[in-house]
């Protein structure tokens, strides 16, 4: 017989509910201790910036504003996305899909190595291309017109075939 769910052994309001069920709160003394510990962990903006730039896993990216023709270099894709207030997937898709059209009509991106050399993201070992991101060339048999698409999905979308 399962004694865990028998009400005479379970002092909780609902038998089988978690130990720290609804209504459980920290005492005021505990909240104060947590607050003090959290304040000790706060670091200055200079320390946070140094910690961020010292990370070796970052991929250096150069962002060019098409409208003002200014370029800014960031130590990581996530840092660039945070500074531009966009999702980092915009930058990743721009690079991985080898797009030419500016993101949001304003930004272009270029991946740069630690040595300052330009990288081809498809030849770099730490940047992996998606399988569906292979460019595809479509030839119209009647007009012999050749159209190059960045992905199979985009070619299908333009031809009216949705995935």
C-alpha atoms as a PDB file:
ATOM      1  CA  UNK A   1       0.000   0.000   0.000  1.00  0.00           C
ATOM      2  CA  UNK A   2       1.290   3.475  -0.905  1.00  0.00           C
ATOM      3  CA  UNK A   3       1.514   5.448   2.354  1.00  0.00           C
ATOM      4  CA  UNK A   4       2.689   8.618   0.675  1.00  0.00           C
ATOM      5  CA  UNK A   5      -0.807   9.608  -0.445  1.00  0.00           C
ATOM      6  CA  UNK A   6      -2.681   8.548   2.691  1.00  0.00           C
ATOM      7  CA  UNK A   7      -3.990  11.673   4.389  1.00  0.00           C
ATOM      8  CA  UNK A   8      -3.135  10.658   7.961  1.00  0.00           C
ATOM      9  CA  UNK A   9       0.586  10.556   7.038  1.00  0.00           C
ATOM     10  CA  UNK A  10       0.550  13.600   4.745  1.00  0.00           C
ATOM     11  CA  UNK A  11       0.229  16.839   6.712  1.00  0.00           C
ATOM     12  CA  UNK A  12      -0.076  18.972   3.583  1.00  0.00           C
ATOM     13  CA  UNK A  13      -3.442  20.419   2.570  1.00  0.00           C
ATOM     14  CA  UNK A  14      -3.425  18.492  -0.695  1.00  0.00           C
ATOM     15  CA  UNK A  15      -2.098  14.910  -0.469  1.00  0.00           C
ATOM     16  CA  UNK A  16       0.875  14.371  -2.761  1.00  0.00           C
ATOM     17  CA  UNK A  17       1.561  18.076  -3.321  1.00  0.00           C
ATOM     18  CA  UNK A  18       5.154  19.384  -3.252  1.00  0.00           C
ATOM     19  CA  UNK A  19       6.702  20.233   0.129  1.00  0.00           C
ATOM     20  CA  UNK A  20       6.985  23.900  -0.772  1.00  0.00           C
ATOM     21  CA  UNK A  21       3.516  24.318  -2.155  1.00  0.00           C
ATOM     22  CA  UNK A  22       1.442  27.468  -2.545  1.00  0.00           C
ATOM     23  CA  UNK A  23       1.926  30.264  -0.078  1.00  0.00           C
ATOM     24  CA  UNK A  24       5.504  29.465   0.908  1.00  0.00           C
ATOM     25  CA  UNK A  25       7.596  32.631   1.315  1.00  0.00           C
ATOM     26  CA  UNK A  26      10.995  33.663   2.651  1.00  0.00           C
ATOM     27  CA  UNK A  27      11.131  35.352   6.020  1.00  0.00           C
ATOM     28  CA  UNK A  28      12.108  39.037   6.131  1.00  0.00           C
ATOM     29  CA  UNK A  29      15.518  38.157   7.590  1.00  0.00           C
ATOM     30  CA  UNK A  30      16.175  35.695   4.764  1.00  0.00           C
ATOM     31  CA  UNK A  31      15.087  38.224   2.123  1.00  0.00           C
ATOM     32  CA  UNK A  32      17.516  40.758   3.622  1.00  0.00           C
ATOM     33  CA  UNK A  33      20.376  38.217   3.537  1.00  0.00           C
ATOM     34  CA  UNK A  34      19.611  37.433  -0.124  1.00  0.00           C
ATOM     35  CA  UNK A  35      19.541  41.161  -0.958  1.00  0.00           C
ATOM     36  CA  UNK A  36      22.931  41.757   0.701  1.00  0.00           C
ATOM     37  CA  UNK A  37      24.490  38.796  -1.127  1.00  0.00           C
ATOM     38  CA  UNK A  38      23.096  40.019  -4.463  1.00  0.00           C
ATOM     39  CA  UNK A  39      24.497  43.529  -3.913  1.00  0.00           C
ATOM     40  CA  UNK A  40      27.958  42.072  -3.302  1.00  0.00           C
ATOM     41  CA  UNK A  41      27.814  40.352  -6.706  1.00  0.00           C
ATOM     42  CA  UNK A  42      27.169  43.556  -8.657  1.00  0.00           C
ATOM     43  CA  UNK A  43      30.125  44.568 -10.779  1.00  0.00           C
ATOM     44  CA  UNK A  44      30.993  47.883 -12.350  1.00  0.00           C
ATOM     45  CA  UNK A  45      30.279  48.411 -16.084  1.00  0.00           C
ATOM     46  CA  UNK A  46      34.032  48.413 -16.761  1.00  0.00           C
ATOM     47  CA  UNK A  47      34.451  44.994 -15.141  1.00  0.00           C
ATOM     48  CA  UNK A  48      31.446  43.605 -17.029  1.00  0.00           C
ATOM     49  CA  UNK A  49      32.807  44.963 -20.334  1.00  0.00           C
ATOM     50  CA  UNK A  50      36.241  43.431 -19.687  1.00  0.00           C
ATOM     51  CA  UNK A  51      34.697  40.076 -18.755  1.00  0.00           C
ATOM     52  CA  UNK A  52      32.628  40.159 -21.928  1.00  0.00           C
ATOM     53  CA  UNK A  53      35.563  40.977 -24.241  1.00  0.00           C
ATOM     54  CA  UNK A  54      37.821  38.376 -22.597  1.00  0.00           C
ATOM     55  CA  UNK A  55      35.522  35.527 -23.592  1.00  0.00           C
ATOM     56  CA  UNK A  56      37.362  33.443 -26.159  1.00  0.00           C
ATOM     57  CA  UNK A  57      34.242  31.913 -27.694  1.00  0.00           C
ATOM     58  CA  UNK A  58      32.985  35.157 -29.265  1.00  0.00           C
ATOM     59  CA  UNK A  59      32.857  35.596 -33.026  1.00  0.00           C
ATOM     60  CA  UNK A  60      34.020  39.096 -33.952  1.00  0.00           C
ATOM     61  CA  UNK A  61      31.478  40.811 -36.212  1.00  0.00           C
ATOM     62  CA  UNK A  62      31.644  44.112 -38.077  1.00  0.00           C
ATOM     63  CA  UNK A  63      28.339  45.963 -38.420  1.00  0.00           C
ATOM     64  CA  UNK A  64      27.905  48.557 -41.159  1.00  0.00           C
ATOM     65  CA  UNK A  65      25.031  51.017 -41.066  1.00  0.00           C
ATOM     66  CA  UNK A  66      24.077  51.422 -44.735  1.00  0.00           C
ATOM     67  CA  UNK A  67      22.398  54.802 -44.239  1.00  0.00           C
ATOM     68  CA  UNK A  68      25.244  56.528 -42.380  1.00  0.00           C
ATOM     69  CA  UNK A  69      28.097  54.369 -43.794  1.00  0.00           C
ATOM     70  CA  UNK A  70      29.576  53.850 -40.326  1.00  0.00           C
ATOM     71  CA  UNK A  71      31.168  50.572 -39.280  1.00  0.00           C
ATOM     72  CA  UNK A  72      31.378  49.263 -35.739  1.00  0.00           C
ATOM     73  CA  UNK A  73      33.168  46.121 -34.574  1.00  0.00           C
ATOM     74  CA  UNK A  74      31.746  43.956 -31.796  1.00  0.00           C
ATOM     75  CA  UNK A  75      33.469  41.100 -29.971  1.00  0.00           C
ATOM     76  CA  UNK A  76      30.469  38.754 -30.338  1.00  0.00           C
ATOM     77  CA  UNK A  77      27.298  38.352 -32.378  1.00  0.00           C
ATOM     78  CA  UNK A  78      25.211  38.603 -29.219  1.00  0.00           C
ATOM     79  CA  UNK A  79      26.896  41.885 -28.226  1.00  0.00           C
ATOM     80  CA  UNK A  80      26.188  43.344 -31.678  1.00  0.00           C
ATOM     81  CA  UNK A  81      22.561  42.253 -31.481  1.00  0.00           C
ATOM     82  CA  UNK A  82      22.209  43.749 -28.010  1.00  0.00           C
ATOM     83  CA  UNK A  83      23.711  47.080 -29.156  1.00  0.00           C
ATOM     84  CA  UNK A  84      21.402  47.222 -32.203  1.00  0.00           C
ATOM     85  CA  UNK A  85      18.344  46.080 -30.215  1.00  0.00           C
ATOM     86  CA  UNK A  86      17.674  43.192 -32.597  1.00  0.00           C
ATOM     87  CA  UNK A  87      17.545  39.435 -32.172  1.00  0.00           C
ATOM     88  CA  UNK A  88      20.882  37.687 -32.749  1.00  0.00           C
ATOM     89  CA  UNK A  89      19.218  35.359 -35.263  1.00  0.00           C
ATOM     90  CA  UNK A  90      18.988  38.275 -37.710  1.00  0.00           C
ATOM     91  CA  UNK A  91      22.786  38.439 -37.767  1.00  0.00           C
ATOM     92  CA  UNK A  92      23.257  34.666 -37.851  1.00  0.00           C
ATOM     93  CA  UNK A  93      20.842  34.198 -40.751  1.00  0.00           C
ATOM     94  CA  UNK A  94      22.408  37.106 -42.666  1.00  0.00           C
ATOM     95  CA  UNK A  95      25.833  35.486 -42.379  1.00  0.00           C
ATOM     96  CA  UNK A  96      24.862  31.810 -42.695  1.00  0.00           C
ATOM     97  CA  UNK A  97      22.569  32.342 -45.681  1.00  0.00           C
ATOM     98  CA  UNK A  98      25.110  34.651 -47.339  1.00  0.00           C
ATOM     99  CA  UNK A  99      22.553  37.399 -47.914  1.00  0.00           C
ATOM    100  CA  UNK A 100      23.194  40.710 -49.661  1.00  0.00           C
ATOM    101  CA  UNK A 101      20.057  42.620 -48.668  1.00  0.00           C
ATOM    102  CA  UNK A 102      20.591  44.728 -45.506  1.00  0.00           C
ATOM    103  CA  UNK A 103      18.874  43.519 -42.342  1.00  0.00           C
ATOM    104  CA  UNK A 104      15.873  45.741 -41.544  1.00  0.00           C
ATOM    105  CA  UNK A 105      16.951  47.804 -44.560  1.00  0.00           C
ATOM    106  CA  UNK A 106      19.745  49.291 -42.464  1.00  0.00           C
ATOM    107  CA  UNK A 107      22.532  46.913 -41.361  1.00  0.00           C
ATOM    108  CA  UNK A 108      25.034  44.647 -43.104  1.00  0.00           C
ATOM    109  CA  UNK A 109      27.304  42.249 -41.231  1.00  0.00           C
ATOM    110  CA  UNK A 110      30.734  40.789 -41.821  1.00  0.00           C
ATOM    111  CA  UNK A 111      32.385  38.084 -39.702  1.00  0.00           C
ATOM    112  CA  UNK A 112      35.979  38.935 -38.762  1.00  0.00           C
ATOM    113  CA  UNK A 113      38.578  36.654 -37.198  1.00  0.00           C
ATOM    114  CA  UNK A 114      40.668  37.549 -34.154  1.00  0.00           C
ATOM    115  CA  UNK A 115      43.532  38.525 -36.488  1.00  0.00           C
ATOM    116  CA  UNK A 116      41.357  41.073 -38.291  1.00  0.00           C
ATOM    117  CA  UNK A 117      41.075  38.990 -41.469  1.00  0.00           C
ATOM    118  CA  UNK A 118      37.733  38.451 -43.189  1.00  0.00           C
ATOM    119  CA  UNK A 119      36.320  34.968 -42.823  1.00  0.00           C
ATOM    120  CA  UNK A 120      34.171  32.919 -45.109  1.00  0.00           C
ATOM    121  CA  UNK A 121      31.598  31.559 -42.655  1.00  0.00           C
ATOM    122  CA  UNK A 122      31.193  28.349 -44.665  1.00  0.00           C
ATOM    123  CA  UNK A 123      34.886  27.442 -44.368  1.00  0.00           C
ATOM    124  CA  UNK A 124      35.239  28.264 -40.680  1.00  0.00           C
ATOM    125  CA  UNK A 125      35.183  25.336 -38.266  1.00  0.00           C
ATOM    126  CA  UNK A 126      33.278  27.074 -35.458  1.00  0.00           C
ATOM    127  CA  UNK A 127      30.513  28.451 -37.691  1.00  0.00           C
ATOM    128  CA  UNK A 128      28.367  25.704 -39.144  1.00  0.00           C
ATOM    129  CA  UNK A 129      26.046  26.229 -42.078  1.00  0.00           C
ATOM    130  CA  UNK A 130      22.555  24.802 -42.029  1.00  0.00           C
ATOM    131  CA  UNK A 131      21.791  22.060 -44.538  1.00  0.00           C
ATOM    132  CA  UNK A 132      18.821  23.943 -45.952  1.00  0.00           C
ATOM    133  CA  UNK A 133      20.891  27.074 -46.539  1.00  0.00           C
ATOM    134  CA  UNK A 134      22.488  25.801 -49.749  1.00  0.00           C
ATOM    135  CA  UNK A 135      21.945  28.225 -52.585  1.00  0.00           C
ATOM    136  CA  UNK A 136      20.008  26.902 -55.540  1.00  0.00           C
ATOM    137  CA  UNK A 137      20.024  27.888 -59.188  1.00  0.00           C
ATOM    138  CA  UNK A 138      16.685  27.671 -61.011  1.00  0.00           C
ATOM    139  CA  UNK A 139      16.592  27.714 -64.814  1.00  0.00           C
ATOM    140  CA  UNK A 140      13.393  28.462 -66.720  1.00  0.00           C
ATOM    141  CA  UNK A 141      13.409  25.916 -69.549  1.00  0.00           C
ATOM    142  CA  UNK A 142      11.324  28.059 -71.913  1.00  0.00           C
ATOM    143  CA  UNK A 143      13.127  31.400 -71.521  1.00  0.00           C
ATOM    144  CA  UNK A 144      16.529  30.045 -70.414  1.00  0.00           C
ATOM    145  CA  UNK A 145      16.446  32.598 -67.584  1.00  0.00           C
ATOM    146  CA  UNK A 146      18.627  31.595 -64.606  1.00  0.00           C
ATOM    147  CA  UNK A 147      17.690  32.743 -61.094  1.00  0.00           C
ATOM    148  CA  UNK A 148      19.900  32.195 -58.038  1.00  0.00           C
ATOM    149  CA  UNK A 149      18.103  31.737 -54.676  1.00  0.00           C
ATOM    150  CA  UNK A 150      19.764  31.660 -51.219  1.00  0.00           C
ATOM    151  CA  UNK A 151      17.811  28.562 -50.155  1.00  0.00           C
ATOM    152  CA  UNK A 152      15.483  25.858 -51.419  1.00  0.00           C
ATOM    153  CA  UNK A 153      12.685  27.258 -49.266  1.00  0.00           C
ATOM    154  CA  UNK A 154      13.021  30.726 -50.823  1.00  0.00           C
ATOM    155  CA  UNK A 155      12.985  29.270 -54.343  1.00  0.00           C
ATOM    156  CA  UNK A 156       9.842  27.301 -53.536  1.00  0.00           C
ATOM    157  CA  UNK A 157       8.203  30.358 -51.971  1.00  0.00           C
ATOM    158  CA  UNK A 158       8.856  32.480 -55.079  1.00  0.00           C
ATOM    159  CA  UNK A 159       7.473  29.709 -57.293  1.00  0.00           C
ATOM    160  CA  UNK A 160       4.349  29.345 -55.135  1.00  0.00           C
ATOM    161  CA  UNK A 161       5.316  26.036 -53.514  1.00  0.00           C
ATOM    162  CA  UNK A 162       5.204  26.363 -49.732  1.00  0.00           C
ATOM    163  CA  UNK A 163       6.798  23.944 -47.289  1.00  0.00           C
END
